[in-house]
Amino acid sequence: MSATTRITVTLPSDQVAELKKITDNVSGYVAEAVARQIRHRLLIDELQRYQDESGTFTQEELTDARARLFDAADVTEDTAV
């Protein structure tokens, strides 16, 4: 188990009420949400680094990536990634 640090977070009361409906482990839920956001940020940074080194993704590359991500052969340009 990794080391932990106790912090205090202030959230709107309505969000806390909804959160408690979802889980009885608020700390775990928040930790997973933070981990997901960190992974998302790292992915964005890596994709930007790749484009800086290799050029902007082509429409064909983006369409192929969307198809692979969403497991669909007929993904349109309107599909948000």
C-alpha atoms as a PDB file:
ATOM      1  CA  MET A   1       0.000   0.000   0.000  1.00  0.00           C
ATOM      2  CA  SER A   2       1.333   3.429  -0.882  1.00  0.00           C
ATOM      3  CA  ALA A   3       1.845   6.168   1.651  1.00  0.00           C
ATOM      4  CA  THR A   4      -1.080   8.480   2.262  1.00  0.00           C
ATOM      5  CA  THR A   5      -1.476  12.058   3.388  1.00  0.00           C
ATOM      6  CA  ARG A   6      -4.565  13.351   5.131  1.00  0.00           C
ATOM      7  CA  ILE A   7      -5.950  16.549   3.620  1.00  0.00           C
ATOM      8  CA  THR A   8      -9.130  18.563   4.002  1.00  0.00           C
ATOM      9  CA  VAL A   9     -11.275  19.185   0.944  1.00  0.00           C
ATOM     10  CA  THR A  10     -14.227  21.547   0.811  1.00  0.00           C
ATOM     11  CA  LEU A  11     -17.094  20.532  -1.474  1.00  0.00           C
ATOM     12  CA  PRO A  12     -20.558  21.940  -2.031  1.00  0.00           C
ATOM     13  CA  SER A  13     -23.060  20.273   0.321  1.00  0.00           C
ATOM     14  CA  ASP A  14     -25.194  18.964  -2.531  1.00  0.00           C
ATOM     15  CA  GLN A  15     -22.175  17.196  -4.039  1.00  0.00           C
ATOM     16  CA  VAL A  16     -21.339  15.598  -0.690  1.00  0.00           C
ATOM     17  CA  ALA A  17     -24.923  14.369  -0.344  1.00  0.00           C
ATOM     18  CA  GLU A  18     -24.831  12.808  -3.830  1.00  0.00           C
ATOM     19  CA  LEU A  19     -21.386  11.346  -3.177  1.00  0.00           C
ATOM     20  CA  LYS A  20     -22.614   9.621  -0.009  1.00  0.00           C
ATOM     21  CA  LYS A  21     -25.419   8.045  -2.050  1.00  0.00           C
ATOM     22  CA  ILE A  22     -22.781   6.551  -4.369  1.00  0.00           C
ATOM     23  CA  THR A  23     -20.247   5.264  -1.852  1.00  0.00           C
ATOM     24  CA  ASP A  24     -19.520   4.822   1.805  1.00  0.00           C
ATOM     25  CA  ASN A  25     -15.796   5.167   1.051  1.00  0.00           C
ATOM     26  CA  VAL A  26     -15.536   8.850   0.155  1.00  0.00           C
ATOM     27  CA  SER A  27     -11.745   8.899   0.460  1.00  0.00           C
ATOM     28  CA  GLY A  28     -11.360   5.956  -1.902  1.00  0.00           C
ATOM     29  CA  TYR A  29     -13.817   7.436  -4.382  1.00  0.00           C
ATOM     30  CA  VAL A  30     -12.052  10.804  -4.379  1.00  0.00           C
ATOM     31  CA  ALA A  31      -8.626   9.134  -4.642  1.00  0.00           C
ATOM     32  CA  GLU A  32      -9.785   7.192  -7.726  1.00  0.00           C
ATOM     33  CA  ALA A  33     -11.230  10.358  -9.287  1.00  0.00           C
ATOM     34  CA  VAL A  34      -7.934  12.179  -8.712  1.00  0.00           C
ATOM     35  CA  ALA A  35      -5.951   9.246 -10.148  1.00  0.00           C
ATOM     36  CA  ARG A  36      -8.195   9.259 -13.240  1.00  0.00           C
ATOM     37  CA  GLN A  37      -7.638  12.994 -13.734  1.00  0.00           C
ATOM     38  CA  ILE A  38      -3.869  12.564 -13.363  1.00  0.00           C
ATOM     39  CA  ARG A  39      -3.873   9.761 -15.990  1.00  0.00           C
ATOM     40  CA  HIS A  40      -5.966  11.987 -18.262  1.00  0.00           C
ATOM     41  CA  ARG A  41      -3.504  14.881 -17.865  1.00  0.00           C
ATOM     42  CA  LEU A  42      -0.526  12.593 -18.545  1.00  0.00           C
ATOM     43  CA  LEU A  43      -2.211  11.281 -21.700  1.00  0.00           C
ATOM     44  CA  ILE A  44      -2.914  14.810 -22.930  1.00  0.00           C
ATOM     45  CA  ASP A  45       0.706  15.792 -22.269  1.00  0.00           C
ATOM     46  CA  GLU A  46       1.998  12.693 -24.106  1.00  0.00           C
ATOM     47  CA  LEU A  47      -0.261  13.279 -27.109  1.00  0.00           C
ATOM     48  CA  GLN A  48       0.891  16.902 -27.271  1.00  0.00           C
ATOM     49  CA  ARG A  49       4.548  15.826 -27.045  1.00  0.00           C
ATOM     50  CA  TYR A  50       3.982  13.362 -29.875  1.00  0.00           C
ATOM     51  CA  GLN A  51       2.385  16.017 -32.061  1.00  0.00           C
ATOM     52  CA  ASP A  52       5.165  18.494 -31.276  1.00  0.00           C
ATOM     53  CA  GLU A  53       7.703  15.916 -32.468  1.00  0.00           C
ATOM     54  CA  SER A  54       5.761  14.300 -35.321  1.00  0.00           C
ATOM     55  CA  GLY A  55       3.242  16.852 -36.524  1.00  0.00           C
ATOM     56  CA  THR A  56      -0.469  17.262 -36.022  1.00  0.00           C
ATOM     57  CA  PHE A  57      -2.578  14.120 -36.197  1.00  0.00           C
ATOM     58  CA  THR A  58      -4.243  13.650 -39.566  1.00  0.00           C
ATOM     59  CA  GLN A  59      -7.987  13.182 -39.891  1.00  0.00           C
ATOM     60  CA  GLU A  60      -7.324   9.570 -40.896  1.00  0.00           C
ATOM     61  CA  GLU A  61      -5.292   8.966 -37.721  1.00  0.00           C
ATOM     62  CA  LEU A  62      -7.996  10.542 -35.572  1.00  0.00           C
ATOM     63  CA  THR A  63     -10.730   8.481 -37.229  1.00  0.00           C
ATOM     64  CA  ASP A  64      -8.689   5.301 -36.757  1.00  0.00           C
ATOM     65  CA  ALA A  65      -8.045   6.149 -33.089  1.00  0.00           C
ATOM     66  CA  ARG A  66     -11.747   6.796 -32.453  1.00  0.00           C
ATOM     67  CA  ALA A  67     -12.652   3.507 -34.100  1.00  0.00           C
ATOM     68  CA  ARG A  68     -10.163   1.652 -31.916  1.00  0.00           C
ATOM     69  CA  LEU A  69     -11.266   3.444 -28.747  1.00  0.00           C
ATOM     70  CA  PHE A  70     -14.959   2.950 -29.337  1.00  0.00           C
ATOM     71  CA  ASP A  71     -14.641  -0.391 -31.167  1.00  0.00           C
ATOM     72  CA  ALA A  72     -16.675   0.932 -34.074  1.00  0.00           C
ATOM     73  CA  ALA A  73     -15.855   0.828 -37.771  1.00  0.00           C
ATOM     74  CA  ASP A  74     -18.108   3.731 -38.750  1.00  0.00           C
ATOM     75  CA  VAL A  75     -17.115   6.496 -36.315  1.00  0.00           C
ATOM     76  CA  THR A  76     -17.874   9.978 -37.640  1.00  0.00           C
ATOM     77  CA  GLU A  77     -15.947  13.201 -37.172  1.00  0.00           C
ATOM     78  CA  ASP A  78     -18.612  14.389 -34.731  1.00  0.00           C
ATOM     79  CA  THR A  79     -17.663  11.731 -32.190  1.00  0.00           C
ATOM     80  CA  ALA A  80     -15.928  13.398 -29.249  1.00  0.00           C
ATOM     81  CA  VAL A  81     -12.869  11.687 -27.801  1.00  0.00           C
END
